[in-house]
Protein backbone atom coordinates (compact mmCIF):
# COMPACT_ATOMS: atom_id res chain seq x y z
CA UNK A 1 91.48 46.64 32.03
CA UNK A 2 88.91 44.64 33.97
CA UNK A 3 85.32 45.82 33.69
CA UNK A 4 84.58 47.44 37.07
CA UNK A 5 80.95 46.39 36.73
CA UNK A 6 81.83 42.73 36.27
CA UNK A 7 81.51 41.66 39.94
CA UNK A 8 78.00 43.13 40.12
CA UNK A 9 77.09 41.63 36.76
CA UNK A 10 78.21 38.19 37.91
CA UNK A 11 76.11 38.59 41.02
CA UNK A 12 73.02 39.20 38.92
CA UNK A 13 73.79 36.23 36.67
CA UNK A 14 74.15 34.04 39.77
CA UNK A 15 70.80 35.22 41.13
CA UNK A 16 69.15 34.59 37.78
CA UNK A 17 70.52 31.05 37.62
CA UNK A 18 69.47 30.37 41.19
CA UNK A 19 65.91 31.57 40.56
CA UNK A 20 65.54 29.29 37.56
CA UNK A 21 67.09 25.89 38.36
CA UNK A 22 67.06 23.19 35.68
CA UNK A 23 67.61 19.47 36.21
CA UNK A 24 70.16 17.28 34.42
CA UNK A 25 69.90 17.47 30.62
CA UNK A 26 67.22 20.17 30.95
CA UNK A 27 69.62 23.13 31.30
CA UNK A 28 68.28 24.89 28.20
CA UNK A 29 67.84 28.41 29.61
CA UNK A 30 71.06 28.23 31.60
CA UNK A 31 72.89 27.24 28.43
CA UNK A 32 71.22 30.01 26.46
CA UNK A 33 72.26 32.59 29.07
CA UNK A 34 75.89 31.46 29.12
CA UNK A 35 76.12 31.42 25.33
CA UNK A 36 74.57 34.88 25.08
CA UNK A 37 76.92 36.47 27.62
CA UNK A 38 80.11 34.94 26.22
CA UNK A 39 79.42 35.16 22.49
CA UNK A 40 78.55 38.84 22.92
CA UNK A 41 82.15 39.28 24.07
CA UNK A 42 83.47 37.55 20.99
CA UNK A 43 84.42 34.31 22.74
CA UNK A 44 84.56 31.34 20.38
CA UNK A 45 81.90 28.68 20.86
CA UNK A 46 83.15 25.15 20.19
CA UNK A 47 80.70 22.80 18.50
CA UNK A 48 79.69 19.86 20.70
CA UNK A 49 76.45 18.63 19.15
CA UNK A 50 74.92 18.49 22.65
CA UNK A 51 71.49 19.88 23.51
CA UNK A 52 72.64 21.51 26.74
CA UNK A 53 75.97 22.71 28.07
CA UNK A 54 78.65 24.53 26.11
CA UNK A 55 82.40 24.67 25.46
CA UNK A 56 84.31 27.87 24.63
CA UNK A 57 87.87 28.42 23.39
CA UNK A 58 89.94 31.43 24.47
CA UNK A 59 93.48 32.23 23.35
CA UNK A 60 95.72 31.78 20.32
CA UNK A 61 99.02 30.82 21.93
CA UNK A 62 100.98 27.67 21.20
CA UNK A 63 101.37 26.76 24.86
CA UNK A 64 99.37 24.15 26.77
CA UNK A 65 95.61 23.91 26.41
CA UNK A 66 93.97 24.02 29.84
CA UNK A 67 90.40 22.96 30.52
CA UNK A 68 88.29 24.77 33.11
CA UNK A 69 85.03 23.10 34.05
CA UNK A 70 81.87 24.20 35.82
CA UNK A 71 78.67 22.15 36.01
CA UNK A 72 75.18 23.56 35.52
CA UNK A 73 72.37 21.25 36.71
CA UNK A 74 70.14 21.56 39.76
CA UNK A 75 68.44 19.00 42.01
CA UNK A 76 64.83 17.84 42.51
CA UNK A 77 64.62 19.49 45.94
CA UNK A 78 62.10 22.02 47.24
CA UNK A 79 64.05 25.07 48.41
CA UNK A 80 63.46 26.13 52.02
CA UNK A 81 65.71 29.19 52.25
CA UNK A 82 64.43 32.73 52.74
CA UNK A 83 66.71 34.16 50.06
CA UNK A 84 65.13 37.00 48.06
CA UNK A 85 66.26 35.19 44.90
CA UNK A 86 65.18 31.69 45.97
CA UNK A 87 63.99 29.19 43.37
CA UNK A 88 60.88 30.09 41.39
CA UNK A 89 60.44 26.50 40.22
CA UNK A 90 58.53 24.19 42.58
CA UNK A 91 60.47 21.09 43.53
CA UNK A 92 63.74 22.22 41.95
CA UNK A 93 66.70 23.93 43.58
CA UNK A 94 70.38 24.67 43.15
CA UNK A 95 71.21 22.79 46.33
CA UNK A 96 74.76 21.84 45.32
CA UNK A 97 76.11 25.18 44.13
CA UNK A 98 76.16 24.51 40.41
CA UNK A 99 74.74 27.98 39.83
CA UNK A 100 77.82 29.23 41.68
CA UNK A 101 80.11 27.05 39.57
CA UNK A 102 78.56 28.28 36.32
CA UNK A 103 78.88 31.91 37.38
CA UNK A 104 82.46 31.57 38.59
CA UNK A 105 83.62 29.84 35.42
CA UNK A 106 81.74 32.37 33.27
CA UNK A 107 83.51 35.18 35.15
CA UNK A 108 86.86 33.45 34.63
CA UNK A 109 86.14 33.18 30.91
CA UNK A 110 85.47 36.92 30.68
CA UNK A 111 88.69 37.67 32.55
CA UNK A 112 90.69 35.35 30.30
CA UNK A 113 89.15 37.00 27.23
CA UNK A 114 90.44 40.38 28.44
CA UNK A 115 93.97 38.93 28.47
CA UNK A 116 93.60 36.83 25.32
CA UNK A 117 96.48 38.55 23.51
CA UNK A 118 98.86 37.77 26.40
CA UNK A 119 97.83 34.15 26.97
CA UNK A 120 100.69 31.74 26.19
CA UNK A 121 98.28 28.90 25.48
CA UNK A 122 94.55 28.32 25.20
CA UNK A 123 91.66 27.74 27.58
CA UNK A 124 88.77 25.39 26.94
CA UNK A 125 86.00 26.61 29.23
CA UNK A 126 83.40 23.90 29.83
CA UNK A 127 79.86 24.43 31.09
CA UNK A 128 78.89 20.84 31.76
CA UNK A 129 75.34 19.51 31.93
CA UNK A 130 74.12 16.60 34.03
CA UNK A 131 76.70 16.15 36.75
CA UNK A 132 74.11 14.93 39.23
CA UNK A 133 73.21 11.89 37.16
CA UNK A 134 76.93 11.25 36.34
CA UNK A 135 76.26 11.35 32.58
CA UNK A 136 77.23 14.88 31.56
CA UNK A 137 81.01 14.65 31.62
CA UNK A 138 80.92 11.52 29.47
CA UNK A 139 78.77 13.38 26.95
CA UNK A 140 81.17 16.32 26.79
CA UNK A 141 84.25 14.12 26.51
CA UNK A 142 82.51 11.93 23.93
CA UNK A 143 81.77 14.98 21.78
CA UNK A 144 85.49 15.45 21.15
CA UNK A 145 85.27 19.14 22.07
CA UNK A 146 87.88 18.88 24.84
CA UNK A 147 90.30 16.45 23.20
CA UNK A 148 92.99 19.13 22.96
CA UNK A 149 93.07 19.85 26.71
CA UNK A 150 96.31 18.78 28.39
CA UNK A 151 95.13 19.38 31.97
CA UNK A 152 91.84 20.20 33.65
CA UNK A 153 90.74 22.35 36.58
CA UNK A 154 87.39 21.83 38.30
CA UNK A 155 85.77 23.58 41.26
CA UNK A 156 83.12 22.88 43.85
CA UNK A 157 81.32 24.99 46.42
CA UNK A 158 82.16 24.05 50.00
CA UNK A 159 79.83 25.18 52.81
CA UNK A 160 82.24 24.11 55.57
CA UNK A 161 84.80 26.79 54.65
CA UNK A 162 84.33 30.57 54.93
CA UNK A 163 84.64 32.82 51.90
CA UNK A 164 88.31 33.32 51.09
CA UNK A 165 89.34 29.75 51.90
CA UNK A 166 90.26 27.06 49.38
CA UNK A 167 90.50 23.32 49.91
CA UNK A 168 93.38 21.62 48.12
CA UNK A 169 94.81 18.13 48.46
CA UNK A 170 97.09 15.90 46.43
CA UNK A 171 95.79 12.45 45.56
CA UNK A 172 92.23 11.07 45.71
CA UNK A 173 89.64 13.72 46.67
CA UNK A 174 86.37 12.18 45.41
CA UNK A 175 85.44 8.52 45.31
CA UNK A 176 84.82 6.15 42.45
CA UNK A 177 81.12 5.26 42.26
CA UNK A 178 79.67 1.87 41.36
CA UNK A 179 75.99 0.92 41.47
CA UNK A 180 74.66 -2.61 41.78
CA UNK A 181 71.36 -4.44 41.46
CA UNK A 182 70.91 -8.13 42.22
CA UNK A 183 67.84 -10.15 41.32
CA UNK A 184 67.66 -13.39 43.33
CA UNK A 185 65.57 -15.95 41.45
CA UNK A 186 63.91 -18.65 43.51
CA UNK A 187 60.72 -20.65 43.17
CA UNK A 188 57.46 -19.34 44.53
CA UNK A 189 54.93 -21.29 46.56
CA UNK A 190 52.18 -20.94 49.14
CA UNK A 191 53.55 -19.53 52.38
CA UNK A 192 52.14 -22.56 54.21
CA UNK A 193 54.23 -24.90 52.04
CA UNK A 194 57.76 -23.47 52.12
CA UNK A 195 59.25 -26.90 51.40
CA UNK A 196 57.85 -26.65 47.88
CA UNK A 197 59.69 -23.38 47.26
CA UNK A 198 63.15 -21.97 46.84
CA UNK A 199 62.47 -18.98 49.07
CA UNK A 200 64.48 -15.94 47.91
CA UNK A 201 63.75 -13.99 51.11
CA UNK A 202 66.15 -15.84 53.45
CA UNK A 203 68.67 -15.92 50.61
CA UNK A 204 68.42 -12.14 50.43
CA UNK A 205 68.84 -11.87 54.20
CA UNK A 206 71.96 -14.05 54.21
CA UNK A 207 73.36 -12.20 51.21
CA UNK A 208 72.90 -8.78 52.81
CA UNK A 209 74.74 -9.97 55.91
CA UNK A 210 77.51 -11.65 53.93
CA UNK A 211 78.15 -8.58 51.77
CA UNK A 212 78.80 -6.49 54.88
CA UNK A 213 82.05 -8.45 55.34
CA UNK A 214 83.52 -7.38 52.00
CA UNK A 215 84.86 -4.04 53.18
CA UNK A 216 85.60 -5.11 56.76
CA UNK A 217 87.45 -8.32 55.79
CA UNK A 218 88.74 -7.91 52.23
CA UNK A 219 89.95 -4.29 52.19
CA UNK A 220 92.90 -2.79 54.07
CA UNK A 221 91.43 -0.97 57.11
CA UNK A 222 93.60 2.06 56.25
CA UNK A 223 92.00 2.28 52.80
CA UNK A 224 88.58 4.02 52.72
CA UNK A 225 85.77 2.05 51.09
CA UNK A 226 81.99 1.84 51.41
CA UNK A 227 79.49 -0.82 50.38
CA UNK A 228 75.93 0.23 51.15
CA UNK A 229 72.77 -1.73 50.42
CA UNK A 230 70.05 0.89 50.09
CA UNK A 231 67.04 -1.00 48.75
CA UNK A 232 65.73 -4.50 49.46
CA UNK A 233 62.40 -5.82 48.23
CA UNK A 234 60.61 -9.15 47.97
CA UNK A 235 56.98 -10.17 47.59
CA UNK A 236 53.69 -8.32 47.99
CA UNK A 237 51.38 -10.76 49.80
CA UNK A 238 51.52 -12.23 53.30
CA UNK A 239 50.63 -15.73 52.16
CA UNK A 240 52.84 -16.05 49.08
CA UNK A 241 56.51 -16.96 48.91
CA UNK A 242 57.74 -14.78 46.03
CA UNK A 243 59.64 -15.87 42.97
CA UNK A 244 62.27 -13.14 43.28
CA UNK A 245 63.95 -10.76 45.68
CA UNK A 246 65.95 -7.66 44.78
CA UNK A 247 68.73 -5.70 46.46
CA UNK A 248 70.32 -2.49 45.24
CA UNK A 249 73.07 -0.24 46.49
CA UNK A 250 76.38 1.48 45.87
CA UNK A 251 80.12 0.99 46.32
CA UNK A 252 82.53 3.88 46.89
CA UNK A 253 86.32 3.55 46.72
CA UNK A 254 89.34 5.82 46.39
CA UNK A 255 91.88 3.29 45.08
CA UNK A 256 91.44 1.48 41.74
CA UNK A 257 92.77 -1.79 43.21
CA UNK A 258 90.14 -1.69 45.98
CA UNK A 259 87.42 -0.98 43.45
CA UNK A 260 88.29 -4.08 41.45
CA UNK A 261 88.69 -6.26 44.55
CA UNK A 262 85.26 -5.31 45.90
CA UNK A 263 83.65 -6.01 42.54
CA UNK A 264 85.27 -9.47 42.42
CA UNK A 265 84.32 -10.28 46.03
CA UNK A 266 80.76 -9.05 45.48
CA UNK A 267 80.22 -11.31 42.49
CA UNK A 268 81.82 -14.34 44.17
CA UNK A 269 79.85 -14.01 47.41
CA UNK A 270 76.55 -13.30 45.64
CA UNK A 271 76.85 -16.23 43.28
CA UNK A 272 78.00 -18.58 46.05
CA UNK A 273 75.26 -17.64 48.53
CA UNK A 274 72.53 -18.01 45.93
CA UNK A 275 73.93 -21.32 44.68
CA UNK A 276 74.13 -22.68 48.24
CA UNK A 277 70.40 -22.13 48.62
CA UNK A 278 69.53 -23.46 45.17
CA UNK A 279 68.64 -20.01 43.84
CA UNK A 280 69.84 -18.20 40.76
CA UNK A 281 70.97 -14.60 40.50
CA UNK A 282 71.39 -11.81 38.01
CA UNK A 283 73.94 -9.11 38.85
CA UNK A 284 73.79 -5.72 37.18
CA UNK A 285 76.98 -3.79 38.00
CA UNK A 286 77.38 -0.21 36.78
CA UNK A 287 80.87 1.29 37.05
CA UNK A 288 79.55 4.84 36.90
CA UNK A 289 82.54 7.09 37.52
CA UNK A 290 86.17 6.82 38.57
CA UNK A 291 87.78 8.52 41.54
CA UNK A 292 88.92 12.14 41.20
CA UNK A 293 92.67 12.16 41.81
CA UNK A 294 94.46 15.48 42.11
CA UNK A 295 97.84 15.75 40.40
CA UNK A 296 100.62 16.73 42.80
CA UNK A 297 102.28 19.29 40.54
CA UNK A 298 99.00 20.99 39.69
CA UNK A 299 98.09 21.03 43.37
CA UNK A 300 101.38 22.77 44.16
CA UNK A 301 100.66 25.41 41.51
CA UNK A 302 97.14 25.83 42.90
CA UNK A 303 98.51 26.44 46.40
CA UNK A 304 101.06 28.94 45.10
CA UNK A 305 98.38 30.90 43.25
CA UNK A 306 96.14 30.85 46.31
CA UNK A 307 98.90 32.26 48.52
CA UNK A 308 99.74 34.97 45.98
CA UNK A 309 96.08 36.03 45.82
CA UNK A 310 95.53 36.07 49.57
CA UNK A 311 93.42 32.94 50.00
CA UNK A 312 93.67 30.76 53.05
CA UNK A 313 94.36 27.15 52.09
CA UNK A 314 93.20 24.08 53.98
CA UNK A 315 93.58 20.39 53.29
CA UNK A 316 90.50 19.06 51.56
CA UNK A 317 88.48 16.85 53.84
CA UNK A 318 88.09 13.24 52.75
CA UNK A 319 84.75 12.27 51.25
CA UNK A 320 83.25 9.20 49.65
CA UNK A 321 81.01 11.31 47.45
CA UNK A 322 81.49 10.95 43.71
CA UNK A 323 82.09 13.51 40.95
CA UNK A 324 82.08 12.91 37.21
CA UNK A 325 84.88 15.47 36.81
CA UNK A 326 87.02 12.32 36.81
CA UNK A 327 85.91 11.71 33.21
CA UNK A 328 88.01 14.69 32.14
CA UNK A 329 91.09 13.25 33.86
CA UNK A 330 91.40 10.05 31.84
CA UNK A 331 94.99 10.18 30.51
CA UNK A 332 95.53 13.79 31.63
CA UNK A 333 96.31 15.45 35.00
CA UNK A 334 93.75 17.50 36.85
CA UNK A 335 93.03 19.59 39.90
CA UNK A 336 89.70 19.71 41.74
CA UNK A 337 89.45 22.69 44.11
CA UNK A 338 86.90 23.20 46.87
CA UNK A 339 85.96 26.86 47.25
CA UNK A 340 84.69 28.16 50.56
CA UNK A 341 81.22 29.62 50.02
CA UNK A 342 80.38 30.60 53.60
CA UNK A 343 79.22 28.36 56.43
CA UNK A 344 75.88 26.84 55.52
CA UNK A 345 73.79 23.71 55.52
CA UNK A 346 75.47 20.88 53.63
CA UNK A 347 75.15 20.36 49.88
CA UNK A 348 71.85 18.74 48.81
CA UNK A 349 70.05 20.18 51.84
CA UNK A 350 66.91 22.27 51.11
CA UNK A 351 68.42 25.18 53.07
CA UNK A 352 71.86 25.06 51.44
CA UNK A 353 73.05 28.52 50.38
CA UNK A 354 76.10 30.12 48.79
CA UNK A 355 77.44 33.49 49.91
CA UNK A 356 77.61 35.53 46.66
CA UNK A 357 80.71 37.30 47.99
CA UNK A 358 82.63 34.15 47.04
CA UNK A 359 81.94 34.58 43.31
CA UNK A 360 84.33 37.35 42.30
CA UNK A 361 87.45 36.11 44.13
CA UNK A 362 86.79 32.60 42.83
CA UNK A 363 86.51 33.85 39.24
CA UNK A 364 89.79 35.74 39.59
CA UNK A 365 91.49 32.67 41.04
CA UNK A 366 90.23 30.35 38.28
CA UNK A 367 91.33 32.75 35.55
CA UNK A 368 94.77 33.29 37.11
CA UNK A 369 95.31 29.58 37.73
CA UNK A 370 94.27 28.67 34.19
CA UNK A 371 96.70 31.20 32.73
CA UNK A 372 99.47 30.08 35.07
CA UNK A 373 99.04 26.46 34.00
CA UNK A 374 99.49 27.54 30.39
CA UNK A 375 103.09 28.26 31.35
CA UNK A 376 103.68 24.72 32.61
CA UNK A 377 104.99 21.78 30.56
CA UNK A 378 102.74 18.76 30.14
């Protein structure tokens, strides 16, 4: 029988996490709290060797092993809400709902533990550190602690849906993320003698313009893609032509073929533009995370469970934001669900807020869905 005090207890855990936000790879107290609550209930802690985050195993059945993931880290944002449990840490805030994710997944773990004897398979419940810097999922996967999982479920707060509404969609739901940095190497000179230089500044200007054609001319217009240059810098004096110029930015794609095509076009255009002006270049390309692609069969099961439990279901809105949940989906199917947390400012805004009434139904849904997937064949 479910503990009747559990909804209230989860509410207090959520408020405690929100008051004490911790940045990526600093989630020491959040990890301690999760471990304390779950180990007190006899839930098995899986060794990861990581300093923050935790993985727990529930169940003894021979059926499928299902992963359930919630992330834990906060953001370097000064909270501007008037919540009575607002952040106590200057300059840090749970502005993306990871406190909500941690609480929901913790609640699901407790519910699954209550039904452990009836579970046909096993659950691996993951409290992941460092989602915001895209490093945490790789650390968890690299630890080997989730190797046995045959499918994964992830969740995310969604301030555009009311409580009681879920966002589900088959196919790509979060973009692949690549970062780039280009150093253009010219030859410096006095600003009054440009003919004695290889000026990297006009090279940078031409390159920025040329790169804007990659998406508009190389990618199918019905295929979403973004190439944004977010930082450009050259020189520090008004009478000196600098040796170098630097541009930085990001690429977002939903289709693997588009991701590779943009990378190839980027390198070709950059090298060609610099060579045409007699400059050199160094390209640093970081393929940070892949796209999150929802499995069709898992999405169907997620919709069925939502209908059975009285949730409204909407199609997930497209986004070019990235999520390192994709690391868990290498060679296994997955489902990433957006959970309505009440209409609010957008994620990463200093006045973002989650309605705590969303916690308990979300925990019940995650537990029920995880158990249901143990009855599937993978």
